[in-house]
Amino acid sequence: MVLTPEMRRVGVTPALLKTTQKITCPHCGLEFSLFQSRAIACKGCRKASFGCQLARCLRCDNEFPLEGPLVKSKEKEKQLADYMNNIVANYNRTTGKKGTR
């Protein structure tokens, strides 16, 4: 997906766009986005609060690295994981929800 001027205007960043790209679980083949993974499968996981650099499958709970499917280096993997973790933490803070299952 290409970042359009309208998307930029409303605050969509390249990092946010990256979190919506589909990734495939290497174990069961389910397609999902990192955004879905962090919001659903990783909810309540202690590692999610500490910059976890893994994606977790919504179906089989298999964890696998972000490097490869979404990013090409460990540095970019860390940046993307931190970005997504901050989105989820901010959501939990603003809605008064706990980050637990």
N, C-alpha and C. Protein backbone atom coordinates (compact mmCIF):
# COMPACT_ATOMS: atom_id res chain seq x y z
N MET A 1 0.84 -1.17 0.00
CA MET A 1 0.00 0.00 0.00
C MET A 1 0.89 1.24 0.00
N VAL A 2 0.50 2.23 -0.76
CA VAL A 2 1.27 3.47 -0.89
C VAL A 2 0.70 4.51 0.06
N LEU A 3 1.58 5.26 0.70
CA LEU A 3 1.18 6.33 1.61
C LEU A 3 0.81 7.56 0.78
N THR A 4 -0.46 7.89 0.74
CA THR A 4 -0.95 9.00 -0.07
C THR A 4 -0.88 10.31 0.72
N PRO A 5 -0.95 11.46 0.04
CA PRO A 5 -0.96 12.75 0.75
C PRO A 5 -2.12 12.85 1.76
N GLU A 6 -3.28 12.30 1.42
CA GLU A 6 -4.41 12.34 2.36
C GLU A 6 -4.11 11.53 3.62
N MET A 7 -3.47 10.39 3.43
CA MET A 7 -3.11 9.56 4.59
C MET A 7 -2.13 10.30 5.48
N ARG A 8 -1.14 10.94 4.89
CA ARG A 8 -0.17 11.73 5.67
C ARG A 8 -0.88 12.85 6.43
N ARG A 9 -1.84 13.50 5.77
CA ARG A 9 -2.54 14.63 6.36
C ARG A 9 -3.28 14.22 7.64
N VAL A 10 -3.84 13.03 7.67
CA VAL A 10 -4.58 12.59 8.85
C VAL A 10 -3.70 11.87 9.87
N GLY A 11 -2.40 11.82 9.62
CA GLY A 11 -1.48 11.29 10.61
C GLY A 11 -0.98 9.88 10.41
N VAL A 12 -1.27 9.28 9.28
CA VAL A 12 -0.75 7.94 9.00
C VAL A 12 0.73 8.05 8.68
N THR A 13 1.53 7.24 9.33
CA THR A 13 2.98 7.25 9.12
C THR A 13 3.39 5.97 8.39
N PRO A 14 4.60 5.97 7.82
CA PRO A 14 5.07 4.73 7.20
C PRO A 14 5.10 3.55 8.18
N ALA A 15 5.44 3.83 9.45
CA ALA A 15 5.48 2.76 10.45
C ALA A 15 4.08 2.20 10.70
N LEU A 16 3.08 3.07 10.79
CA LEU A 16 1.71 2.60 10.99
C LEU A 16 1.25 1.77 9.80
N LEU A 17 1.59 2.21 8.63
CA LEU A 17 1.23 1.47 7.42
C LEU A 17 1.86 0.08 7.43
N LYS A 18 3.09 -0.01 7.91
CA LYS A 18 3.80 -1.29 7.98
C LYS A 18 3.09 -2.26 8.93
N THR A 19 2.50 -1.74 10.02
CA THR A 19 1.84 -2.62 10.99
C THR A 19 0.55 -3.21 10.46
N THR A 20 0.02 -2.66 9.36
CA THR A 20 -1.22 -3.19 8.79
C THR A 20 -0.97 -4.19 7.67
N GLN A 21 0.28 -4.36 7.27
CA GLN A 21 0.59 -5.34 6.22
C GLN A 21 0.36 -6.75 6.73
N LYS A 22 -0.12 -7.62 5.86
CA LYS A 22 -0.40 -9.00 6.24
C LYS A 22 0.90 -9.80 6.36
N ILE A 23 0.98 -10.59 7.42
CA ILE A 23 2.08 -11.53 7.61
C ILE A 23 1.44 -12.92 7.73
N THR A 24 2.21 -13.94 7.43
CA THR A 24 1.69 -15.30 7.46
C THR A 24 2.41 -16.11 8.53
N CYS A 25 1.65 -16.78 9.35
CA CYS A 25 2.23 -17.63 10.39
C CYS A 25 2.96 -18.79 9.71
N PRO A 26 4.24 -18.99 10.04
CA PRO A 26 4.98 -20.09 9.43
C PRO A 26 4.52 -21.46 9.93
N HIS A 27 3.77 -21.50 11.01
CA HIS A 27 3.32 -22.77 11.58
C HIS A 27 1.98 -23.23 11.01
N CYS A 28 0.97 -22.32 11.01
CA CYS A 28 -0.37 -22.75 10.58
C CYS A 28 -0.86 -22.06 9.30
N GLY A 29 -0.14 -21.03 8.83
CA GLY A 29 -0.50 -20.38 7.57
C GLY A 29 -1.53 -19.27 7.67
N LEU A 30 -1.98 -18.93 8.87
CA LEU A 30 -2.96 -17.85 9.03
C LEU A 30 -2.34 -16.51 8.64
N GLU A 31 -3.08 -15.70 7.90
CA GLU A 31 -2.63 -14.35 7.55
C GLU A 31 -3.27 -13.36 8.51
N PHE A 32 -2.45 -12.45 9.04
CA PHE A 32 -2.92 -11.42 9.96
C PHE A 32 -1.92 -10.28 9.94
N SER A 33 -2.28 -9.17 10.57
CA SER A 33 -1.37 -8.03 10.62
C SER A 33 -0.71 -7.95 11.99
N LEU A 34 0.41 -7.25 12.07
CA LEU A 34 1.08 -7.04 13.34
C LEU A 34 0.15 -6.29 14.29
N PHE A 35 -0.63 -5.37 13.75
CA PHE A 35 -1.58 -4.62 14.57
C PHE A 35 -2.55 -5.59 15.26
N GLN A 36 -3.09 -6.54 14.52
CA GLN A 36 -4.00 -7.53 15.10
C GLN A 36 -3.28 -8.39 16.13
N SER A 37 -2.07 -8.79 15.81
CA SER A 37 -1.29 -9.64 16.70
C SER A 37 -1.08 -8.96 18.05
N ARG A 38 -0.63 -7.71 18.02
CA ARG A 38 -0.36 -6.99 19.26
C ARG A 38 -1.64 -6.70 20.05
N ALA A 39 -2.71 -6.36 19.36
CA ALA A 39 -3.95 -5.99 20.03
C ALA A 39 -4.71 -7.19 20.59
N ILE A 40 -4.54 -8.36 19.97
CA ILE A 40 -5.33 -9.53 20.38
C ILE A 40 -4.46 -10.61 21.02
N ALA A 41 -3.54 -11.18 20.26
CA ALA A 41 -2.76 -12.33 20.75
C ALA A 41 -1.74 -11.96 21.81
N CYS A 42 -1.19 -10.75 21.73
CA CYS A 42 -0.15 -10.35 22.68
C CYS A 42 -0.71 -9.64 23.91
N LYS A 43 -2.01 -9.43 23.95
CA LYS A 43 -2.62 -8.72 25.07
C LYS A 43 -2.34 -9.48 26.37
N GLY A 44 -1.75 -8.79 27.30
CA GLY A 44 -1.46 -9.39 28.59
C GLY A 44 -0.11 -10.06 28.69
N CYS A 45 0.59 -10.21 27.60
CA CYS A 45 1.91 -10.84 27.64
C CYS A 45 2.92 -9.87 28.24
N ARG A 46 3.70 -10.34 29.19
CA ARG A 46 4.69 -9.47 29.84
C ARG A 46 5.74 -8.97 28.87
N LYS A 47 6.09 -9.78 27.88
CA LYS A 47 7.12 -9.38 26.92
C LYS A 47 6.68 -8.19 26.07
N ALA A 48 5.38 -8.04 25.86
CA ALA A 48 4.87 -6.94 25.03
C ALA A 48 5.20 -5.58 25.64
N SER A 49 5.33 -5.52 26.95
CA SER A 49 5.65 -4.26 27.63
C SER A 49 7.12 -3.90 27.53
N PHE A 50 7.93 -4.83 27.12
CA PHE A 50 9.38 -4.60 27.11
C PHE A 50 9.97 -4.63 25.71
N GLY A 51 9.21 -4.22 24.71
CA GLY A 51 9.74 -4.12 23.35
C GLY A 51 9.93 -5.45 22.66
N CYS A 52 9.03 -6.37 22.87
CA CYS A 52 9.11 -7.68 22.22
C CYS A 52 9.19 -7.51 20.71
N GLN A 53 10.07 -8.26 20.08
CA GLN A 53 10.28 -8.17 18.64
C GLN A 53 9.73 -9.39 17.91
N LEU A 54 8.68 -9.97 18.48
CA LEU A 54 8.05 -11.14 17.88
C LEU A 54 6.61 -10.82 17.50
N ALA A 55 6.10 -11.57 16.55
CA ALA A 55 4.68 -11.55 16.23
C ALA A 55 4.11 -12.86 16.77
N ARG A 56 2.88 -12.82 17.24
CA ARG A 56 2.23 -14.03 17.75
C ARG A 56 0.99 -14.31 16.92
N CYS A 57 0.89 -15.54 16.46
CA CYS A 57 -0.25 -15.95 15.63
C CYS A 57 -1.54 -15.92 16.44
N LEU A 58 -2.59 -15.43 15.81
CA LEU A 58 -3.90 -15.35 16.46
C LEU A 58 -4.53 -16.73 16.63
N ARG A 59 -4.19 -17.66 15.77
CA ARG A 59 -4.80 -18.99 15.81
C ARG A 59 -4.02 -19.97 16.68
N CYS A 60 -2.72 -20.12 16.43
CA CYS A 60 -1.96 -21.18 17.10
C CYS A 60 -1.00 -20.69 18.18
N ASP A 61 -0.92 -19.38 18.41
CA ASP A 61 -0.04 -18.77 19.41
C ASP A 61 1.45 -18.97 19.13
N ASN A 62 1.80 -19.38 17.92
CA ASN A 62 3.20 -19.50 17.55
C ASN A 62 3.82 -18.09 17.49
N GLU A 63 5.00 -17.93 18.06
CA GLU A 63 5.71 -16.66 18.01
C GLU A 63 6.84 -16.77 17.00
N PHE A 64 7.02 -15.71 16.20
CA PHE A 64 8.09 -15.69 15.22
C PHE A 64 8.59 -14.27 15.04
N PRO A 65 9.86 -14.10 14.62
CA PRO A 65 10.45 -12.76 14.51
C PRO A 65 9.82 -11.93 13.40
N LEU A 66 9.82 -10.61 13.61
CA LEU A 66 9.31 -9.68 12.60
C LEU A 66 10.29 -9.55 11.45
N GLU A 67 11.57 -9.78 11.73
CA GLU A 67 12.58 -9.65 10.67
C GLU A 67 12.29 -10.68 9.59
N GLY A 68 12.26 -10.23 8.38
CA GLY A 68 11.92 -11.10 7.26
C GLY A 68 10.57 -10.72 6.67
N PRO A 69 9.45 -11.05 7.39
CA PRO A 69 8.16 -10.72 6.79
C PRO A 69 7.89 -9.22 6.68
N LEU A 70 8.32 -8.43 7.65
CA LEU A 70 7.99 -7.00 7.64
C LEU A 70 9.20 -6.08 7.50
N VAL A 71 10.32 -6.48 8.03
CA VAL A 71 11.51 -5.62 8.01
C VAL A 71 12.74 -6.42 7.60
N LYS A 72 13.77 -5.70 7.20
CA LYS A 72 14.97 -6.37 6.67
C LYS A 72 16.16 -6.37 7.63
N SER A 73 16.05 -5.72 8.80
CA SER A 73 17.18 -5.70 9.71
C SER A 73 16.69 -5.73 11.16
N LYS A 74 17.58 -6.13 12.06
CA LYS A 74 17.26 -6.17 13.49
C LYS A 74 16.92 -4.77 14.01
N GLU A 75 17.61 -3.75 13.50
CA GLU A 75 17.36 -2.37 13.94
C GLU A 75 15.94 -1.94 13.58
N LYS A 76 15.53 -2.21 12.34
CA LYS A 76 14.18 -1.86 11.89
C LYS A 76 13.14 -2.70 12.64
N GLU A 77 13.49 -3.94 12.96
CA GLU A 77 12.61 -4.82 13.71
C GLU A 77 12.32 -4.21 15.09
N LYS A 78 13.36 -3.74 15.75
CA LYS A 78 13.21 -3.12 17.08
C LYS A 78 12.38 -1.85 16.99
N GLN A 79 12.64 -1.01 15.98
CA GLN A 79 11.88 0.23 15.81
C GLN A 79 10.40 -0.05 15.60
N LEU A 80 10.09 -1.02 14.76
CA LEU A 80 8.69 -1.35 14.48
C LEU A 80 8.01 -1.93 15.72
N ALA A 81 8.70 -2.81 16.43
CA ALA A 81 8.14 -3.40 17.65
C ALA A 81 7.87 -2.32 18.69
N ASP A 82 8.81 -1.41 18.89
CA ASP A 82 8.62 -0.33 19.86
C ASP A 82 7.45 0.57 19.46
N TYR A 83 7.35 0.87 18.17
CA TYR A 83 6.27 1.71 17.67
C TYR A 83 4.91 1.06 17.97
N MET A 84 4.78 -0.21 17.64
CA MET A 84 3.51 -0.90 17.85
C MET A 84 3.21 -1.05 19.33
N ASN A 85 4.21 -1.33 20.15
CA ASN A 85 3.99 -1.45 21.59
C ASN A 85 3.51 -0.13 22.17
N ASN A 86 4.04 0.99 21.67
CA ASN A 86 3.61 2.30 22.15
C ASN A 86 2.16 2.59 21.78
N ILE A 87 1.74 2.17 20.60
CA ILE A 87 0.34 2.36 20.20
C ILE A 87 -0.59 1.62 21.16
N VAL A 88 -0.28 0.37 21.45
CA VAL A 88 -1.12 -0.43 22.33
C VAL A 88 -1.11 0.14 23.75
N ALA A 89 0.06 0.53 24.24
CA ALA A 89 0.16 1.10 25.59
C ALA A 89 -0.63 2.41 25.69
N ASN A 90 -0.55 3.24 24.66
CA ASN A 90 -1.29 4.50 24.65
C ASN A 90 -2.80 4.23 24.65
N TYR A 91 -3.24 3.26 23.87
CA TYR A 91 -4.65 2.89 23.85
C TYR A 91 -5.10 2.45 25.24
N ASN A 92 -4.32 1.59 25.87
CA ASN A 92 -4.68 1.10 27.21
C ASN A 92 -4.74 2.24 28.22
N ARG A 93 -3.80 3.18 28.14
CA ARG A 93 -3.80 4.33 29.05
C ARG A 93 -5.03 5.21 28.85
N THR A 94 -5.34 5.53 27.60
CA THR A 94 -6.43 6.46 27.33
C THR A 94 -7.81 5.85 27.58
N THR A 95 -7.93 4.54 27.52
CA THR A 95 -9.22 3.90 27.76
C THR A 95 -9.34 3.37 29.18
N GLY A 96 -8.26 3.45 29.95
CA GLY A 96 -8.29 2.96 31.31
C GLY A 96 -8.23 1.45 31.42
N LYS A 97 -7.84 0.80 30.33
CA LYS A 97 -7.76 -0.67 30.34
C LYS A 97 -6.39 -1.11 30.82
N LYS A 98 -6.38 -2.30 31.38
CA LYS A 98 -5.11 -2.91 31.77
C LYS A 98 -4.61 -3.72 30.60
N GLY A 99 -3.31 -3.89 30.52
CA GLY A 99 -2.73 -4.67 29.43
C GLY A 99 -2.67 -6.14 29.75
N THR A 100 -3.69 -6.65 30.45
CA THR A 100 -3.71 -8.06 30.82
C THR A 100 -4.88 -8.76 30.15
N ARG A 101 -4.79 -10.05 30.07
CA ARG A 101 -5.85 -10.83 29.41
C ARG A 101 -7.07 -10.92 30.26
